[in-house]
Amino acid sequence: MLTPLAFGLPVVALPRWVQAVVCVVVWAGASAGFGYLGHRLPLSRFDHDAWWSRLRGEEVGGRRYERLGIKRWKDRLPEAGALYAGGFSKRDLRARDRDHLARFAAETRRAEAVHWWILATVLVFPFVVVWYAVIPNLVYALVANVPFIAIQRYNRARLERIIARLDAHGR
């Protein structure tokens, strides 16, 4: 049986339980796959800001995120930077030298990119589930990725503030 989607494209209507399994498999696969891809890309791809990673306006310094109470909840969320061999945990700041801080900032860009890629996975759901099942997948995508993107941007804002202070003092 064919069901029209919001985009006007026909898809095969699957039983709801099959659609639910497909959603779980797609999210798990996207999370693991994009996490691994991000891990395998050279760090040099993330050692500078791109249009998507550049901090803007009130983000600079991290104050916007502090007003959102990020300090209260950010450490309660999982950190998977060291999940793959040779990965970089962003749980703690292990050193305060400029090289380590720059590496840490690059790793926040890597993690942010991974979460943007995972979030973009929601775009496949209109093609695999009926239109009303896209909504809970969109909610999941936002809840499961936006907080992590915010944490990476907040941490990078703080790191850049420290790096700027070191640079100003010639260290």
C-alpha atoms as a PDB file:
ATOM      1  CA  MET A   1       0.000   0.000   0.000  1.00  0.00           C
ATOM      2  CA  LEU A   2       1.357   3.438  -0.891  1.00  0.00           C
ATOM      3  CA  THR A   3       1.035   6.404   1.429  1.00  0.00           C
ATOM      4  CA  PRO A   4       1.709   9.963   0.280  1.00  0.00           C
ATOM      5  CA  LEU A   5       4.108  11.994   2.372  1.00  0.00           C
ATOM      6  CA  ALA A   6       4.142  15.719   2.986  1.00  0.00           C
ATOM      7  CA  PHE A   7       6.643  15.954   0.119  1.00  0.00           C
ATOM      8  CA  GLY A   8       4.215  14.213  -2.213  1.00  0.00           C
ATOM      9  CA  LEU A   9       6.476  11.188  -2.545  1.00  0.00           C
ATOM     10  CA  PRO A  10       4.934   7.725  -2.212  1.00  0.00           C
ATOM     11  CA  VAL A  11       6.438   5.191   0.186  1.00  0.00           C
ATOM     12  CA  VAL A  12       5.518   1.688   1.177  1.00  0.00           C
ATOM     13  CA  ALA A  13       3.427   1.827   4.349  1.00  0.00           C
ATOM     14  CA  LEU A  14       5.052  -0.448   6.923  1.00  0.00           C
ATOM     15  CA  PRO A  15       3.410  -1.667  10.116  1.00  0.00           C
ATOM     16  CA  ARG A  16       4.007   0.727  13.003  1.00  0.00           C
ATOM     17  CA  TRP A  17       6.241  -1.705  14.889  1.00  0.00           C
ATOM     18  CA  VAL A  18       8.460  -2.075  11.812  1.00  0.00           C
ATOM     19  CA  GLN A  19       8.631   1.702  11.457  1.00  0.00           C
ATOM     20  CA  ALA A  20       9.640   1.948  15.132  1.00  0.00           C
ATOM     21  CA  VAL A  21      12.399  -0.640  14.632  1.00  0.00           C
ATOM     22  CA  VAL A  22      13.587   1.199  11.504  1.00  0.00           C
ATOM     23  CA  CYS A  23      13.747   4.452  13.491  1.00  0.00           C
ATOM     24  CA  VAL A  24      15.791   2.875  16.284  1.00  0.00           C
ATOM     25  CA  VAL A  25      18.169   1.236  13.805  1.00  0.00           C
ATOM     26  CA  VAL A  26      18.586   4.441  11.798  1.00  0.00           C
ATOM     27  CA  TRP A  27      19.307   6.528  14.933  1.00  0.00           C
ATOM     28  CA  ALA A  28      21.726   3.961  16.358  1.00  0.00           C
ATOM     29  CA  GLY A  29      23.477   3.556  13.014  1.00  0.00           C
ATOM     30  CA  ALA A  30      23.718   7.297  12.425  1.00  0.00           C
ATOM     31  CA  SER A  31      25.051   7.940  15.925  1.00  0.00           C
ATOM     32  CA  ALA A  32      27.680   5.195  15.746  1.00  0.00           C
ATOM     33  CA  GLY A  33      28.538   5.842  12.106  1.00  0.00           C
ATOM     34  CA  PHE A  34      28.895   9.601  12.340  1.00  0.00           C
ATOM     35  CA  GLY A  35      30.744   9.253  15.647  1.00  0.00           C
ATOM     36  CA  TYR A  36      33.234   6.919  14.018  1.00  0.00           C
ATOM     37  CA  LEU A  37      33.525   9.109  10.918  1.00  0.00           C
ATOM     38  CA  GLY A  38      34.212  12.157  13.087  1.00  0.00           C
ATOM     39  CA  HIS A  39      36.821  10.197  15.023  1.00  0.00           C
ATOM     40  CA  ARG A  40      38.576   9.085  11.842  1.00  0.00           C
ATOM     41  CA  LEU A  41      38.747  12.515  10.212  1.00  0.00           C
ATOM     42  CA  PRO A  42      42.061  14.308  10.766  1.00  0.00           C
ATOM     43  CA  LEU A  43      42.003  16.847  13.581  1.00  0.00           C
ATOM     44  CA  SER A  44      43.354  19.438  11.132  1.00  0.00           C
ATOM     45  CA  ARG A  45      39.833  19.582   9.653  1.00  0.00           C
ATOM     46  CA  PHE A  46      38.642  20.976  12.988  1.00  0.00           C
ATOM     47  CA  ASP A  47      41.547  23.152  14.140  1.00  0.00           C
ATOM     48  CA  HIS A  48      39.843  26.331  12.914  1.00  0.00           C
ATOM     49  CA  ASP A  49      36.327  27.696  12.849  1.00  0.00           C
ATOM     50  CA  ALA A  50      34.099  27.207   9.835  1.00  0.00           C
ATOM     51  CA  TRP A  51      30.860  29.083   9.144  1.00  0.00           C
ATOM     52  CA  TRP A  52      28.892  26.525  11.176  1.00  0.00           C
ATOM     53  CA  SER A  53      31.222  26.444  14.182  1.00  0.00           C
ATOM     54  CA  ARG A  54      32.043  30.149  14.548  1.00  0.00           C
ATOM     55  CA  LEU A  55      30.770  31.568  17.829  1.00  0.00           C
ATOM     56  CA  ARG A  56      28.419  34.466  17.300  1.00  0.00           C
ATOM     57  CA  GLY A  57      27.237  37.426  19.326  1.00  0.00           C
ATOM     58  CA  GLU A  58      26.379  36.496  22.879  1.00  0.00           C
ATOM     59  CA  GLU A  59      27.951  33.051  22.498  1.00  0.00           C
ATOM     60  CA  VAL A  60      31.425  34.566  22.724  1.00  0.00           C
ATOM     61  CA  GLY A  61      32.678  34.026  26.258  1.00  0.00           C
ATOM     62  CA  GLY A  62      29.905  31.528  26.999  1.00  0.00           C
ATOM     63  CA  ARG A  63      27.645  33.907  28.926  1.00  0.00           C
ATOM     64  CA  ARG A  64      24.535  33.043  26.867  1.00  0.00           C
ATOM     65  CA  TYR A  65      24.865  29.387  27.823  1.00  0.00           C
ATOM     66  CA  GLU A  66      25.446  30.248  31.468  1.00  0.00           C
ATOM     67  CA  ARG A  67      22.138  32.156  31.476  1.00  0.00           C
ATOM     68  CA  LEU A  68      20.534  28.929  30.234  1.00  0.00           C
ATOM     69  CA  GLY A  69      21.904  27.129  33.302  1.00  0.00           C
ATOM     70  CA  ILE A  70      24.328  24.945  31.349  1.00  0.00           C
ATOM     71  CA  LYS A  71      26.673  24.662  34.351  1.00  0.00           C
ATOM     72  CA  ARG A  72      23.959  22.782  36.277  1.00  0.00           C
ATOM     73  CA  TRP A  73      23.323  20.058  33.708  1.00  0.00           C
ATOM     74  CA  LYS A  74      26.250  19.724  31.307  1.00  0.00           C
ATOM     75  CA  ASP A  75      28.239  17.307  33.487  1.00  0.00           C
ATOM     76  CA  ARG A  76      25.241  14.985  33.832  1.00  0.00           C
ATOM     77  CA  LEU A  77      25.225  14.107  30.153  1.00  0.00           C
ATOM     78  CA  PRO A  78      27.444  11.361  28.721  1.00  0.00           C
ATOM     79  CA  GLU A  79      30.711  12.215  27.006  1.00  0.00           C
ATOM     80  CA  ALA A  80      31.768   9.799  24.279  1.00  0.00           C
ATOM     81  CA  GLY A  81      34.923  11.468  22.969  1.00  0.00           C
ATOM     82  CA  ALA A  82      37.113   8.605  24.154  1.00  0.00           C
ATOM     83  CA  LEU A  83      34.715   5.882  23.001  1.00  0.00           C
ATOM     84  CA  TYR A  84      36.957   4.933  20.093  1.00  0.00           C
ATOM     85  CA  ALA A  85      40.638   4.031  20.531  1.00  0.00           C
ATOM     86  CA  GLY A  86      42.775   7.155  20.534  1.00  0.00           C
ATOM     87  CA  GLY A  87      39.772   9.390  21.175  1.00  0.00           C
ATOM     88  CA  PHE A  88      39.823  12.546  23.273  1.00  0.00           C
ATOM     89  CA  SER A  89      37.689  12.855  26.390  1.00  0.00           C
ATOM     90  CA  LYS A  90      36.297  16.323  26.882  1.00  0.00           C
ATOM     91  CA  ARG A  91      35.110  15.575  30.400  1.00  0.00           C
ATOM     92  CA  ASP A  92      38.010  17.351  32.122  1.00  0.00           C
ATOM     93  CA  LEU A  93      40.590  19.968  31.251  1.00  0.00           C
ATOM     94  CA  ARG A  94      43.818  18.022  31.759  1.00  0.00           C
ATOM     95  CA  ALA A  95      46.294  20.847  31.080  1.00  0.00           C
ATOM     96  CA  ARG A  96      46.284  24.612  30.718  1.00  0.00           C
ATOM     97  CA  ASP A  97      49.004  25.050  28.108  1.00  0.00           C
ATOM     98  CA  ARG A  98      48.054  26.653  24.811  1.00  0.00           C
ATOM     99  CA  ASP A  99      48.617  23.504  22.713  1.00  0.00           C
ATOM    100  CA  HIS A 100      46.313  21.399  24.875  1.00  0.00           C
ATOM    101  CA  LEU A 101      43.664  24.133  24.946  1.00  0.00           C
ATOM    102  CA  ALA A 102      43.803  24.458  21.139  1.00  0.00           C
ATOM    103  CA  ARG A 103      43.488  20.668  20.786  1.00  0.00           C
ATOM    104  CA  PHE A 104      40.545  20.689  23.185  1.00  0.00           C
ATOM    105  CA  ALA A 105      38.851  23.457  21.145  1.00  0.00           C
ATOM    106  CA  ALA A 106      39.387  21.456  17.941  1.00  0.00           C
ATOM    107  CA  GLU A 107      37.866  18.401  19.606  1.00  0.00           C
ATOM    108  CA  THR A 108      34.799  20.462  20.555  1.00  0.00           C
ATOM    109  CA  ARG A 109      34.405  21.370  16.871  1.00  0.00           C
ATOM    110  CA  ARG A 110      34.707  17.696  15.949  1.00  0.00           C
ATOM    111  CA  ALA A 111      32.060  16.721  18.499  1.00  0.00           C
ATOM    112  CA  GLU A 112      29.799  19.569  17.422  1.00  0.00           C
ATOM    113  CA  ALA A 113      30.094  18.478  13.772  1.00  0.00           C
ATOM    114  CA  VAL A 114      29.194  14.908  14.712  1.00  0.00           C
ATOM    115  CA  HIS A 115      26.063  16.087  16.518  1.00  0.00           C
ATOM    116  CA  TRP A 116      25.052  18.305  13.590  1.00  0.00           C
ATOM    117  CA  TRP A 117      25.460  15.291  11.260  1.00  0.00           C
ATOM    118  CA  ILE A 118      23.391  13.094  13.558  1.00  0.00           C
ATOM    119  CA  LEU A 119      20.734  15.805  13.830  1.00  0.00           C
ATOM    120  CA  ALA A 120      20.570  16.017  10.025  1.00  0.00           C
ATOM    121  CA  THR A 121      19.613  12.325   9.975  1.00  0.00           C
ATOM    122  CA  VAL A 122      16.058  13.439  10.736  1.00  0.00           C
ATOM    123  CA  LEU A 123      15.844  14.414   7.065  1.00  0.00           C
ATOM    124  CA  VAL A 124      15.648  10.738   6.035  1.00  0.00           C
ATOM    125  CA  PHE A 125      12.556   9.990   8.115  1.00  0.00           C
ATOM    126  CA  PRO A 126       9.982  11.482   5.735  1.00  0.00           C
ATOM    127  CA  PHE A 127      11.158   8.817   3.304  1.00  0.00           C
ATOM    128  CA  VAL A 128      10.905   5.832   5.675  1.00  0.00           C
ATOM    129  CA  VAL A 129       7.954   6.534   7.980  1.00  0.00           C
ATOM    130  CA  VAL A 130       4.496   8.030   7.633  1.00  0.00           C
ATOM    131  CA  TRP A 131       4.336  11.786   8.121  1.00  0.00           C
ATOM    132  CA  TYR A 132       3.047  11.710  11.710  1.00  0.00           C
ATOM    133  CA  ALA A 133       5.991   9.564  12.798  1.00  0.00           C
ATOM    134  CA  VAL A 134       8.403  12.252  11.583  1.00  0.00           C
ATOM    135  CA  ILE A 135       7.369  14.535  14.466  1.00  0.00           C
ATOM    136  CA  PRO A 136       8.550  12.294  17.342  1.00  0.00           C
ATOM    137  CA  ASN A 137      11.773  11.637  15.415  1.00  0.00           C
ATOM    138  CA  LEU A 138      12.326  15.376  15.048  1.00  0.00           C
ATOM    139  CA  VAL A 139      11.732  15.835  18.778  1.00  0.00           C
ATOM    140  CA  TYR A 140      14.193  13.020  19.523  1.00  0.00           C
ATOM    141  CA  ALA A 141      16.779  14.522  17.149  1.00  0.00           C
ATOM    142  CA  LEU A 142      16.550  17.893  18.879  1.00  0.00           C
ATOM    143  CA  VAL A 143      16.550  16.527  22.445  1.00  0.00           C
ATOM    144  CA  ALA A 144      19.397  14.097  21.752  1.00  0.00           C
ATOM    145  CA  ASN A 145      21.694  16.552  19.941  1.00  0.00           C
ATOM    146  CA  VAL A 146      21.014  20.217  20.698  1.00  0.00           C
ATOM    147  CA  PRO A 147      22.187  19.973  24.344  1.00  0.00           C
ATOM    148  CA  PHE A 148      25.462  18.386  23.193  1.00  0.00           C
ATOM    149  CA  ILE A 149      25.947  21.057  20.526  1.00  0.00           C
ATOM    150  CA  ALA A 150      25.351  23.706  23.193  1.00  0.00           C
ATOM    151  CA  ILE A 151      27.902  22.059  25.509  1.00  0.00           C
ATOM    152  CA  GLN A 152      30.549  21.996  22.772  1.00  0.00           C
ATOM    153  CA  ARG A 153      29.938  25.629  21.873  1.00  0.00           C
ATOM    154  CA  TYR A 154      29.974  26.665  25.540  1.00  0.00           C
ATOM    155  CA  ASN A 155      33.203  24.795  26.230  1.00  0.00           C
ATOM    156  CA  ARG A 156      34.826  26.255  23.112  1.00  0.00           C
ATOM    157  CA  ALA A 157      33.781  29.780  24.166  1.00  0.00           C
ATOM    158  CA  ARG A 158      35.424  29.226  27.541  1.00  0.00           C
ATOM    159  CA  LEU A 159      38.539  27.728  25.938  1.00  0.00           C
ATOM    160  CA  GLU A 160      38.872  30.630  23.527  1.00  0.00           C
ATOM    161  CA  ARG A 161      38.600  33.045  26.445  1.00  0.00           C
ATOM    162  CA  ILE A 162      41.470  31.250  28.218  1.00  0.00           C
ATOM    163  CA  ILE A 163      43.551  31.086  25.007  1.00  0.00           C
ATOM    164  CA  ALA A 164      43.037  34.824  24.436  1.00  0.00           C
ATOM    165  CA  ARG A 165      44.174  35.516  28.001  1.00  0.00           C
ATOM    166  CA  LEU A 166      47.306  33.383  27.471  1.00  0.00           C
ATOM    167  CA  ASP A 167      48.036  35.119  24.177  1.00  0.00           C
ATOM    168  CA  ALA A 168      47.638  38.532  25.810  1.00  0.00           C
ATOM    169  CA  HIS A 169      50.220  37.565  28.418  1.00  0.00           C
ATOM    170  CA  GLY A 170      52.594  36.123  25.814  1.00  0.00           C
ATOM    171  CA  ARG A 171      52.380  32.505  26.971  1.00  0.00           C
END
